Amino acid sequence: MDLPERFTHQATRYMMGRQTGAVGEHCDWLVANWARIPEPERRTIQRDLEEAFGRDDRARQMGAKDCRWLGDDCDRQHWERVRALYAAPAARAGKKGGRRK
């Protein structure tokens, strides 16, 4: 079945904030298929996910129990795995140090 590329980020947006086992399944799929997802879609997912992490962090800092932008703690852990897909290269680049030649 061929699906329009935009369905990837649309499904990701839909899953953010959900509190269900489907979040883990969706994140498993993203992790397994990340390299096959077109770059524009990955950038959109990254942008949306970073916005959700920011909102979720602020809600948690304020003690909100009923407004979690990434779901419960277990759901957030799944999103952390997706975040690691695009955060890892930047983190490795920062550890190299030194000057550019």
PDB file of N, CA and C in Angstrom:
ATOM      1  N   MET A   1       0.850  -1.168   0.000  1.00  0.00           N
ATOM      2  CA  MET A   1       0.000   0.000   0.000  1.00  0.00           C
ATOM      3  C   MET A   1       0.896   1.232   0.000  1.00  0.00           C
ATOM      4  N   ASP A   2       0.668   2.109  -0.940  1.00  0.00           N
ATOM      5  CA  ASP A   2       1.388   3.375  -0.978  1.00  0.00           C
ATOM      6  C   ASP A   2       0.549   4.444  -0.292  1.00  0.00           C
ATOM      7  N   LEU A   3       1.192   5.143   0.623  1.00  0.00           N
ATOM      8  CA  LEU A   3       0.522   6.228   1.331  1.00  0.00           C
ATOM      9  C   LEU A   3       1.232   7.538   1.014  1.00  0.00           C
ATOM     10  N   PRO A   4       0.507   8.634   0.989  1.00  0.00           N
ATOM     11  CA  PRO A   4       1.176   9.923   0.805  1.00  0.00           C
ATOM     12  C   PRO A   4       2.192  10.156   1.922  1.00  0.00           C
ATOM     13  N   GLU A   5       3.312  10.746   1.574  1.00  0.00           N
ATOM     14  CA  GLU A   5       4.382  10.966   2.548  1.00  0.00           C
ATOM     15  C   GLU A   5       3.910  11.760   3.753  1.00  0.00           C
ATOM     16  N   ARG A   6       3.008  12.689   3.549  1.00  0.00           N
ATOM     17  CA  ARG A   6       2.552  13.540   4.647  1.00  0.00           C
ATOM     18  C   ARG A   6       1.857  12.746   5.747  1.00  0.00           C
ATOM     19  N   PHE A   7       1.394  11.532   5.444  1.00  0.00           N
ATOM     20  CA  PHE A   7       0.717  10.729   6.460  1.00  0.00           C
ATOM     21  C   PHE A   7       1.635  10.414   7.638  1.00  0.00           C
ATOM     22  N   THR A   8       2.936  10.358   7.403  1.00  0.00           N
ATOM     23  CA  THR A   8       3.861  10.042   8.478  1.00  0.00           C
ATOM     24  C   THR A   8       3.820  11.111   9.557  1.00  0.00           C
ATOM     25  N   HIS A   9       3.982  12.368   9.167  1.00  0.00           N
ATOM     26  CA  HIS A   9       3.959  13.413  10.205  1.00  0.00           C
ATOM     27  C   HIS A   9       2.549  13.654  10.728  1.00  0.00           C
ATOM     28  N   GLN A  10       1.541  13.434   9.897  1.00  0.00           N
ATOM     29  CA  GLN A  10       0.175  13.615  10.378  1.00  0.00           C
ATOM     30  C   GLN A  10      -0.170  12.567  11.441  1.00  0.00           C
ATOM     31  N   ALA A  11       0.243  11.335  11.208  1.00  0.00           N
ATOM     32  CA  ALA A  11       0.003  10.285  12.201  1.00  0.00           C
ATOM     33  C   ALA A  11       0.790  10.571  13.478  1.00  0.00           C
ATOM     34  N   THR A  12       1.996  11.111  13.330  1.00  0.00           N
ATOM     35  CA  THR A  12       2.810  11.446  14.498  1.00  0.00           C
ATOM     36  C   THR A  12       2.136  12.538  15.313  1.00  0.00           C
ATOM     37  N   ARG A  13       1.637  13.563  14.648  1.00  0.00           N
ATOM     38  CA  ARG A  13       0.922  14.627  15.361  1.00  0.00           C
ATOM     39  C   ARG A  13      -0.280  14.061  16.106  1.00  0.00           C
ATOM     40  N   TYR A  14      -0.998  13.162  15.453  1.00  0.00           N
ATOM     41  CA  TYR A  14      -2.178  12.561  16.068  1.00  0.00           C
ATOM     42  C   TYR A  14      -1.796  11.784  17.330  1.00  0.00           C
ATOM     43  N   MET A  15      -0.674  11.101  17.311  1.00  0.00           N
ATOM     44  CA  MET A  15      -0.268  10.248  18.428  1.00  0.00           C
ATOM     45  C   MET A  15       0.292  11.044  19.606  1.00  0.00           C
ATOM     46  N   MET A  16       0.807  12.241  19.372  1.00  0.00           N
ATOM     47  CA  MET A  16       1.381  13.027  20.463  1.00  0.00           C
ATOM     48  C   MET A  16       0.308  13.353  21.492  1.00  0.00           C
ATOM     49  N   GLY A  17       0.608  13.081  22.742  1.00  0.00           N
ATOM     50  CA  GLY A  17      -0.317  13.346  23.820  1.00  0.00           C
ATOM     51  C   GLY A  17      -1.244  12.194  24.135  1.00  0.00           C
ATOM     52  N   ARG A  18      -1.265  11.191  23.290  1.00  0.00           N
ATOM     53  CA  ARG A  18      -2.114  10.028  23.547  1.00  0.00           C
ATOM     54  C   ARG A  18      -1.531   9.221  24.701  1.00  0.00           C
ATOM     55  N   GLN A  19      -2.376   8.520  25.376  1.00  0.00           N
ATOM     56  CA  GLN A  19      -1.979   7.672  26.492  1.00  0.00           C
ATOM     57  C   GLN A  19      -2.471   6.269  26.189  1.00  0.00           C
ATOM     58  N   THR A  20      -1.710   5.581  25.339  1.00  0.00           N
ATOM     59  CA  THR A  20      -2.137   4.274  24.854  1.00  0.00           C
ATOM     60  C   THR A  20      -0.934   3.484  24.365  1.00  0.00           C
ATOM     61  N   GLY A  21      -1.085   2.195  24.278  1.00  0.00           N
ATOM     62  CA  GLY A  21      -0.019   1.344  23.756  1.00  0.00           C
ATOM     63  C   GLY A  21       0.307   1.646  22.308  1.00  0.00           C
ATOM     64  N   ALA A  22      -0.630   2.271  21.606  1.00  0.00           N
ATOM     65  CA  ALA A  22      -0.394   2.609  20.200  1.00  0.00           C
ATOM     66  C   ALA A  22       0.753   3.604  20.048  1.00  0.00           C
ATOM     67  N   VAL A  23       1.013   4.409  21.075  1.00  0.00           N
ATOM     68  CA  VAL A  23       2.142   5.350  21.017  1.00  0.00           C
ATOM     69  C   VAL A  23       3.443   4.571  20.856  1.00  0.00           C
ATOM     70  N   GLY A  24       3.606   3.527  21.651  1.00  0.00           N
ATOM     71  CA  GLY A  24       4.805   2.699  21.551  1.00  0.00           C
ATOM     72  C   GLY A  24       4.929   2.049  20.186  1.00  0.00           C
ATOM     73  N   GLU A  25       3.824   1.559  19.647  1.00  0.00           N
ATOM     74  CA  GLU A  25       3.837   0.944  18.320  1.00  0.00           C
ATOM     75  C   GLU A  25       4.230   1.964  17.257  1.00  0.00           C
ATOM     76  N   HIS A  26       3.671   3.159  17.359  1.00  0.00           N
ATOM     77  CA  HIS A  26       3.992   4.206  16.383  1.00  0.00           C
ATOM     78  C   HIS A  26       5.472   4.582  16.471  1.00  0.00           C
ATOM     79  N   CYS A  27       5.965   4.751  17.686  1.00  0.00           N
ATOM     80  CA  CYS A  27       7.376   5.106  17.862  1.00  0.00           C
ATOM     81  C   CYS A  27       8.284   3.979  17.401  1.00  0.00           C
ATOM     82  N   ASP A  28       7.897   2.732  17.640  1.00  0.00           N
ATOM     83  CA  ASP A  28       8.668   1.589  17.122  1.00  0.00           C
ATOM     84  C   ASP A  28       8.786   1.684  15.605  1.00  0.00           C
ATOM     85  N   TRP A  29       7.659   2.014  14.960  1.00  0.00           N
ATOM     86  CA  TRP A  29       7.656   2.128  13.500  1.00  0.00           C
ATOM     87  C   TRP A  29       8.565   3.273  13.046  1.00  0.00           C
ATOM     88  N   LEU A  30       8.476   4.417  13.729  1.00  0.00           N
ATOM     89  CA  LEU A  30       9.334   5.552  13.366  1.00  0.00           C
ATOM     90  C   LEU A  30      10.809   5.187  13.505  1.00  0.00           C
ATOM     91  N   VAL A  31      11.165   4.536  14.596  1.00  0.00           N
ATOM     92  CA  VAL A  31      12.564   4.149  14.816  1.00  0.00           C
ATOM     93  C   VAL A  31      13.026   3.186  13.729  1.00  0.00           C
ATOM     94  N   ALA A  32      12.211   2.211  13.409  1.00  0.00           N
ATOM     95  CA  ALA A  32      12.591   1.201  12.407  1.00  0.00           C
ATOM     96  C   ALA A  32      12.673   1.772  10.993  1.00  0.00           C
ATOM     97  N   ASN A  33      11.914   2.825  10.721  1.00  0.00           N
ATOM     98  CA  ASN A  33      11.815   3.345   9.355  1.00  0.00           C
ATOM     99  C   ASN A  33      12.389   4.739   9.173  1.00  0.00           C
ATOM    100  N   TRP A  34      13.029   5.281  10.198  1.00  0.00           N
ATOM    101  CA  TRP A  34      13.501   6.673  10.158  1.00  0.00           C
ATOM    102  C   TRP A  34      14.315   6.984   8.907  1.00  0.00           C
ATOM    103  N   ALA A  35      15.234   6.127   8.557  1.00  0.00           N
ATOM    104  CA  ALA A  35      16.107   6.378   7.399  1.00  0.00           C
ATOM    105  C   ALA A  35      15.321   6.387   6.081  1.00  0.00           C
ATOM    106  N   ARG A  36      14.165   5.758   6.061  1.00  0.00           N
ATOM    107  CA  ARG A  36      13.355   5.696   4.841  1.00  0.00           C
ATOM    108  C   ARG A  36      12.353   6.840   4.737  1.00  0.00           C
ATOM    109  N   ILE A  37      12.173   7.581   5.817  1.00  0.00           N
ATOM    110  CA  ILE A  37      11.234   8.700   5.802  1.00  0.00           C
ATOM    111  C   ILE A  37      11.914   9.880   5.105  1.00  0.00           C
ATOM    112  N   PRO A  38      11.260  10.498   4.136  1.00  0.00           N
ATOM    113  CA  PRO A  38      11.882  11.624   3.420  1.00  0.00           C
ATOM    114  C   PRO A  38      12.298  12.747   4.377  1.00  0.00           C
ATOM    115  N   GLU A  39      13.400  13.389   4.053  1.00  0.00           N
ATOM    116  CA  GLU A  39      13.967  14.432   4.908  1.00  0.00           C
ATOM    117  C   GLU A  39      12.965  15.525   5.294  1.00  0.00           C
ATOM    118  N   PRO A  40      12.157  16.040   4.362  1.00  0.00           N
ATOM    119  CA  PRO A  40      11.186  17.064   4.778  1.00  0.00           C
ATOM    120  C   PRO A  40      10.212  16.552   5.847  1.00  0.00           C
ATOM    121  N   GLU A  41       9.814  15.303   5.749  1.00  0.00           N
ATOM    122  CA  GLU A  41       8.921  14.720   6.753  1.00  0.00           C
ATOM    123  C   GLU A  41       9.643  14.585   8.092  1.00  0.00           C
ATOM    124  N   ARG A  42      10.899  14.159   8.061  1.00  0.00           N
ATOM    125  CA  ARG A  42      11.670  14.038   9.306  1.00  0.00           C
ATOM    126  C   ARG A  42      11.823  15.393   9.978  1.00  0.00           C
ATOM    127  N   ARG A  43      12.084  16.432   9.189  1.00  0.00           N
ATOM    128  CA  ARG A  43      12.211  17.786   9.770  1.00  0.00           C
ATOM    129  C   ARG A  43      10.908  18.242  10.415  1.00  0.00           C
ATOM    130  N   THR A  44       9.783  17.934   9.770  1.00  0.00           N
ATOM    131  CA  THR A  44       8.485  18.305  10.328  1.00  0.00           C
ATOM    132  C   THR A  44       8.228  17.554  11.626  1.00  0.00           C
ATOM    133  N   ILE A  45       8.526  16.278  11.645  1.00  0.00           N
ATOM    134  CA  ILE A  45       8.356  15.484  12.865  1.00  0.00           C
ATOM    135  C   ILE A  45       9.250  16.034  13.965  1.00  0.00           C
ATOM    136  N   GLN A  46      10.491  16.337  13.627  1.00  0.00           N
ATOM    137  CA  GLN A  46      11.431  16.876  14.617  1.00  0.00           C
ATOM    138  C   GLN A  46      10.912  18.199  15.187  1.00  0.00           C
ATOM    139  N   ARG A  47      10.478  19.091  14.321  1.00  0.00           N
ATOM    140  CA  ARG A  47       9.959  20.386  14.780  1.00  0.00           C
ATOM    141  C   ARG A  47       8.762  20.202  15.699  1.00  0.00           C
ATOM    142  N   ASP A  48       7.803  19.375  15.266  1.00  0.00           N
ATOM    143  CA  ASP A  48       6.602  19.151  16.065  1.00  0.00           C
ATOM    144  C   ASP A  48       6.935  18.486  17.394  1.00  0.00           C
ATOM    145  N   LEU A  49       7.848  17.543  17.360  1.00  0.00           N
ATOM    146  CA  LEU A  49       8.212  16.826  18.582  1.00  0.00           C
ATOM    147  C   LEU A  49       8.939  17.738  19.560  1.00  0.00           C
ATOM    148  N   GLU A  50       9.825  18.585  19.051  1.00  0.00           N
ATOM    149  CA  GLU A  50      10.527  19.520  19.940  1.00  0.00           C
ATOM    150  C   GLU A  50       9.564  20.525  20.568  1.00  0.00           C
ATOM    151  N   GLU A  51       8.585  20.989  19.794  1.00  0.00           N
ATOM    152  CA  GLU A  51       7.560  21.878  20.359  1.00  0.00           C
ATOM    153  C   GLU A  51       6.782  21.158  21.455  1.00  0.00           C
ATOM    154  N   ALA A  52       6.440  19.903  21.217  1.00  0.00           N
ATOM    155  CA  ALA A  52       5.693  19.128  22.211  1.00  0.00           C
ATOM    156  C   ALA A  52       6.545  18.876  23.460  1.00  0.00           C
ATOM    157  N   PHE A  53       7.846  18.602  23.291  1.00  0.00           N
ATOM    158  CA  PHE A  53       8.720  18.424  24.451  1.00  0.00           C
ATOM    159  C   PHE A  53       8.771  19.707  25.273  1.00  0.00           C
ATOM    160  N   GLY A  54       8.862  20.843  24.616  1.00  0.00           N
ATOM    161  CA  GLY A  54       8.892  22.115  25.328  1.00  0.00           C
ATOM    162  C   GLY A  54       7.616  22.347  26.123  1.00  0.00           C
ATOM    163  N   ARG A  55       6.477  22.115  25.492  1.00  0.00           N
ATOM    164  CA  ARG A  55       5.193  22.287  26.171  1.00  0.00           C
ATOM    165  C   ARG A  55       5.047  21.292  27.321  1.00  0.00           C
ATOM    166  N   ASP A  56       5.456  20.053  27.061  1.00  0.00           N
ATOM    167  CA  ASP A  56       5.354  19.016  28.081  1.00  0.00           C
ATOM    168  C   ASP A  56       6.257  19.345  29.276  1.00  0.00           C
ATOM    169  N   ASP A  57       7.464  19.802  28.989  1.00  0.00           N
ATOM    170  CA  ASP A  57       8.389  20.189  30.075  1.00  0.00           C
ATOM    171  C   ASP A  57       7.781  21.299  30.934  1.00  0.00           C
ATOM    172  N   ARG A  58       7.229  22.313  30.271  1.00  0.00           N
ATOM    173  CA  ARG A  58       6.631  23.434  31.019  1.00  0.00           C
ATOM    174  C   ARG A  58       5.426  22.974  31.845  1.00  0.00           C
ATOM    175  N   ALA A  59       4.592  22.134  31.274  1.00  0.00           N
ATOM    176  CA  ALA A  59       3.415  21.637  32.000  1.00  0.00           C
ATOM    177  C   ALA A  59       3.843  20.826  33.219  1.00  0.00           C
ATOM    178  N   ARG A  60       4.875  20.010  33.052  1.00  0.00           N
ATOM    179  CA  ARG A  60       5.357  19.193  34.175  1.00  0.00           C
ATOM    180  C   ARG A  60       5.986  20.074  35.248  1.00  0.00           C
ATOM    181  N   GLN A  61       6.712  21.115  34.843  1.00  0.00           N
ATOM    182  CA  GLN A  61       7.326  22.020  35.822  1.00  0.00           C
ATOM    183  C   GLN A  61       6.274  22.750  36.643  1.00  0.00           C
ATOM    184  N   MET A  62       5.132  23.015  36.020  1.00  0.00           N
ATOM    185  CA  MET A  62       4.054  23.710  36.717  1.00  0.00           C
ATOM    186  C   MET A  62       3.180  22.740  37.515  1.00  0.00           C
ATOM    187  N   GLY A  63       3.503  21.463  37.450  1.00  0.00           N
ATOM    188  CA  GLY A  63       2.764  20.466  38.218  1.00  0.00           C
ATOM    189  C   GLY A  63       1.464  20.014  37.585  1.00  0.00           C
ATOM    190  N   ALA A  64       1.277  20.297  36.312  1.00  0.00           N
ATOM    191  CA  ALA A  64       0.040  19.892  35.632  1.00  0.00           C
ATOM    192  C   ALA A  64      -0.043  18.372  35.563  1.00  0.00           C
ATOM    193  N   LYS A  65      -1.138  17.834  35.991  1.00  0.00           N
ATOM    194  CA  LYS A  65      -1.352  16.380  35.953  1.00  0.00           C
ATOM    195  C   LYS A  65      -2.275  15.978  34.808  1.00  0.00           C
ATOM    196  N   ASP A  66      -3.101  16.913  34.367  1.00  0.00           N
ATOM    197  CA  ASP A  66      -4.102  16.590  33.357  1.00  0.00           C
ATOM    198  C   ASP A  66      -3.750  17.112  31.963  1.00  0.00           C
ATOM    199  N   CYS A  67      -2.624  17.751  31.826  1.00  0.00           N
ATOM    200  CA  CYS A  67      -2.220  18.300  30.521  1.00  0.00           C
ATOM    201  C   CYS A  67      -0.784  17.886  30.235  1.00  0.00           C
ATOM    202  N   ARG A  68      -0.643  16.782  29.599  1.00  0.00           N
ATOM    203  CA  ARG A  68       0.679  16.279  29.236  1.00  0.00           C
ATOM    204  C   ARG A  68       0.747  16.205  27.714  1.00  0.00           C
ATOM    205  N   TRP A  69       1.615  16.976  27.136  1.00  0.00           N
ATOM    206  CA  TRP A  69       1.702  17.081  25.674  1.00  0.00           C
ATOM    207  C   TRP A  69       2.264  15.832  25.022  1.00  0.00           C
ATOM    208  N   LEU A  70       2.927  14.994  25.806  1.00  0.00           N
ATOM    209  CA  LEU A  70       3.478  13.753  25.261  1.00  0.00           C
ATOM    210  C   LEU A  70       2.890  12.524  25.946  1.00  0.00           C
ATOM    211  N   GLY A  71       1.792  12.685  26.647  1.00  0.00           N
ATOM    212  CA  GLY A  71       1.158  11.566  27.339  1.00  0.00           C
ATOM    213  C   GLY A  71       1.771  11.338  28.710  1.00  0.00           C
ATOM    214  N   ASP A  72       1.577  10.153  29.235  1.00  0.00           N
ATOM    215  CA  ASP A  72       2.131   9.796  30.542  1.00  0.00           C
ATOM    216  C   ASP A  72       3.636   9.561  30.424  1.00  0.00           C
ATOM    217  N   ASP A  73       4.264   9.286  31.555  1.00  0.00           N
ATOM    218  CA  ASP A  73       5.715   9.063  31.564  1.00  0.00           C
ATOM    219  C   ASP A  73       6.129   7.961  30.595  1.00  0.00           C
ATOM    220  N   CYS A  74       5.371   6.864  30.559  1.00  0.00           N
ATOM    221  CA  CYS A  74       5.721   5.750  29.669  1.00  0.00           C
ATOM    222  C   CYS A  74       5.631   6.169  28.200  1.00  0.00           C
ATOM    223  N   ASP A  75       4.665   7.026  27.868  1.00  0.00           N
ATOM    224  CA  ASP A  75       4.524   7.511  26.494  1.00  0.00           C
ATOM    225  C   ASP A  75       5.686   8.441  26.145  1.00  0.00           C
ATOM    226  N   ARG A  76       6.032   9.303  27.074  1.00  0.00           N
ATOM    227  CA  ARG A  76       7.146  10.224  26.849  1.00  0.00           C
ATOM    228  C   ARG A  76       8.445   9.454  26.591  1.00  0.00           C
ATOM    229  N   GLN A  77       8.626   8.344  27.279  1.00  0.00           N
ATOM    230  CA  GLN A  77       9.830   7.527  27.058  1.00  0.00           C
ATOM    231  C   GLN A  77       9.892   7.029  25.618  1.00  0.00           C
ATOM    232  N   HIS A  78       8.756   6.689  25.057  1.00  0.00           N
ATOM    233  CA  HIS A  78       8.730   6.269  23.646  1.00  0.00           C
ATOM    234  C   HIS A  78       9.143   7.426  22.734  1.00  0.00           C
ATOM    235  N   TRP A  79       8.636   8.632  23.013  1.00  0.00           N
ATOM    236  CA  TRP A  79       8.999   9.798  22.204  1.00  0.00           C
ATOM    237  C   TRP A  79      10.477  10.135  22.353  1.00  0.00           C
ATOM    238  N   GLU A  80      11.049   9.860  23.523  1.00  0.00           N
ATOM    239  CA  GLU A  80      12.491  10.078  23.722  1.00  0.00           C
ATOM    240  C   GLU A  80      13.308   9.215  22.762  1.00  0.00           C
ATOM    241  N   ARG A  81      12.827   8.013  22.471  1.00  0.00           N
ATOM    242  CA  ARG A  81      13.542   7.143  21.520  1.00  0.00           C
ATOM    243  C   ARG A  81      13.542   7.755  20.120  1.00  0.00           C
ATOM    244  N   VAL A  82      12.432   8.365  19.742  1.00  0.00           N
ATOM    245  CA  VAL A  82      12.363   9.025  18.431  1.00  0.00           C
ATOM    246  C   VAL A  82      13.275  10.247  18.439  1.00  0.00           C
ATOM    247  N   ARG A  83      13.234  11.000  19.513  1.00  0.00           N
ATOM    248  CA  ARG A  83      14.075  12.199  19.634  1.00  0.00           C
ATOM    249  C   ARG A  83      15.552  11.840  19.498  1.00  0.00           C
ATOM    250  N   ALA A  84      15.939  10.712  20.025  1.00  0.00           N
ATOM    251  CA  ALA A  84      17.337  10.281  19.955  1.00  0.00           C
ATOM    252  C   ALA A  84      17.794  10.053  18.512  1.00  0.00           C
ATOM    253  N   LEU A  85      16.869   9.780  17.613  1.00  0.00           N
ATOM    254  CA  LEU A  85      17.226   9.547  16.213  1.00  0.00           C
ATOM    255  C   LEU A  85      17.840  10.783  15.567  1.00  0.00           C
ATOM    256  N   TYR A  86      17.316  11.940  15.904  1.00  0.00           N
ATOM    257  CA  TYR A  86      17.847  13.164  15.292  1.00  0.00           C
ATOM    258  C   TYR A  86      18.753  13.932  16.231  1.00  0.00           C
ATOM    259  N   ALA A  87      18.701  13.659  17.509  1.00  0.00           N
ATOM    260  CA  ALA A  87      19.566  14.357  18.453  1.00  0.00           C
ATOM    261  C   ALA A  87      20.968  13.753  18.484  1.00  0.00           C
ATOM    262  N   ALA A  88      21.082  12.480  18.183  1.00  0.00           N
ATOM    263  CA  ALA A  88      22.380  11.787  18.271  1.00  0.00           C
ATOM    264  C   ALA A  88      23.460  12.413  17.394  1.00  0.00           C
ATOM    265  N   PRO A  89      23.212  12.696  16.103  1.00  0.00           N
ATOM    266  CA  PRO A  89      24.274  13.293  15.284  1.00  0.00           C
ATOM    267  C   PRO A  89      24.741  14.645  15.825  1.00  0.00           C
ATOM    268  N   ALA A  90      23.818  15.462  16.292  1.00  0.00           N
ATOM    269  CA  ALA A  90      24.192  16.773  16.829  1.00  0.00           C
ATOM    270  C   ALA A  90      25.013  16.607  18.101  1.00  0.00           C
ATOM    271  N   ALA A  91      24.639  15.647  18.922  1.00  0.00           N
ATOM    272  CA  ALA A  91      25.374  15.418  20.164  1.00  0.00           C
ATOM    273  C   ALA A  91      26.784  14.927  19.869  1.00  0.00           C
ATOM    274  N   ARG A  92      26.902  14.025  18.898  1.00  0.00           N
ATOM    275  CA  ARG A  92      28.237  13.511  18.546  1.00  0.00           C
ATOM    276  C   ARG A  92      29.102  14.618  17.966  1.00  0.00           C
ATOM    277  N   ALA A  93      28.519  15.484  17.154  1.00  0.00           N
ATOM    278  CA  ALA A  93      29.278  16.576  16.542  1.00  0.00           C
ATOM    279  C   ALA A  93      29.806  17.515  17.626  1.00  0.00           C
ATOM    280  N   GLY A  94      29.015  17.751  18.651  1.00  0.00           N
ATOM    281  CA  GLY A  94      29.439  18.631  19.730  1.00  0.00           C
ATOM    282  C   GLY A  94      30.557  18.042  20.565  1.00  0.00           C
ATOM    283  N   LYS A  95      30.662  16.723  20.637  1.00  0.00           N
ATOM    284  CA  LYS A  95      31.684  16.075  21.453  1.00  0.00           C
ATOM    285  C   LYS A  95      33.045  16.052  20.771  1.00  0.00           C
ATOM    286  N   LYS A  96      33.075  16.195  19.461  1.00  0.00           N
ATOM    287  CA  LYS A  96      34.344  16.112  18.739  1.00  0.00           C
ATOM    288  C   LYS A  96      35.256  17.273  19.088  1.00  0.00           C
ATOM    289  N   GLY A  97      34.661  18.442  19.267  1.00  0.00           N
ATOM    290  CA  GLY A  97      35.469  19.610  19.627  1.00  0.00           C
ATOM    291  C   GLY A  97      36.436  19.986  18.531  1.00  0.00           C
ATOM    292  N   GLY A  98      37.388  20.835  18.906  1.00  0.00           N
ATOM    293  CA  GLY A  98      38.399  21.223  17.932  1.00  0.00           C
ATOM    294  C   GLY A  98      37.887  22.214  16.914  1.00  0.00           C
ATOM    295  N   ARG A  99      38.778  22.554  15.989  1.00  0.00           N
ATOM    296  CA  ARG A  99      38.422  23.529  14.953  1.00  0.00           C
ATOM    297  C   ARG A  99      38.109  22.821  13.659  1.00  0.00           C
ATOM    298  N   ARG A 100      37.359  23.523  12.840  1.00  0.00           N
ATOM    299  CA  ARG A 100      37.123  23.035  11.481  1.00  0.00           C
ATOM    300  C   ARG A 100      38.332  23.365  10.633  1.00  0.00           C
ATOM    301  N   LYS A 101      38.635  22.501   9.719  1.00  0.00           N
ATOM    302  CA  LYS A 101      39.759  22.749   8.825  1.00  0.00           C
ATOM    303  C   LYS A 101      39.286  23.282   7.515  1.00  0.00           C
TER     304      LYS A 101
END
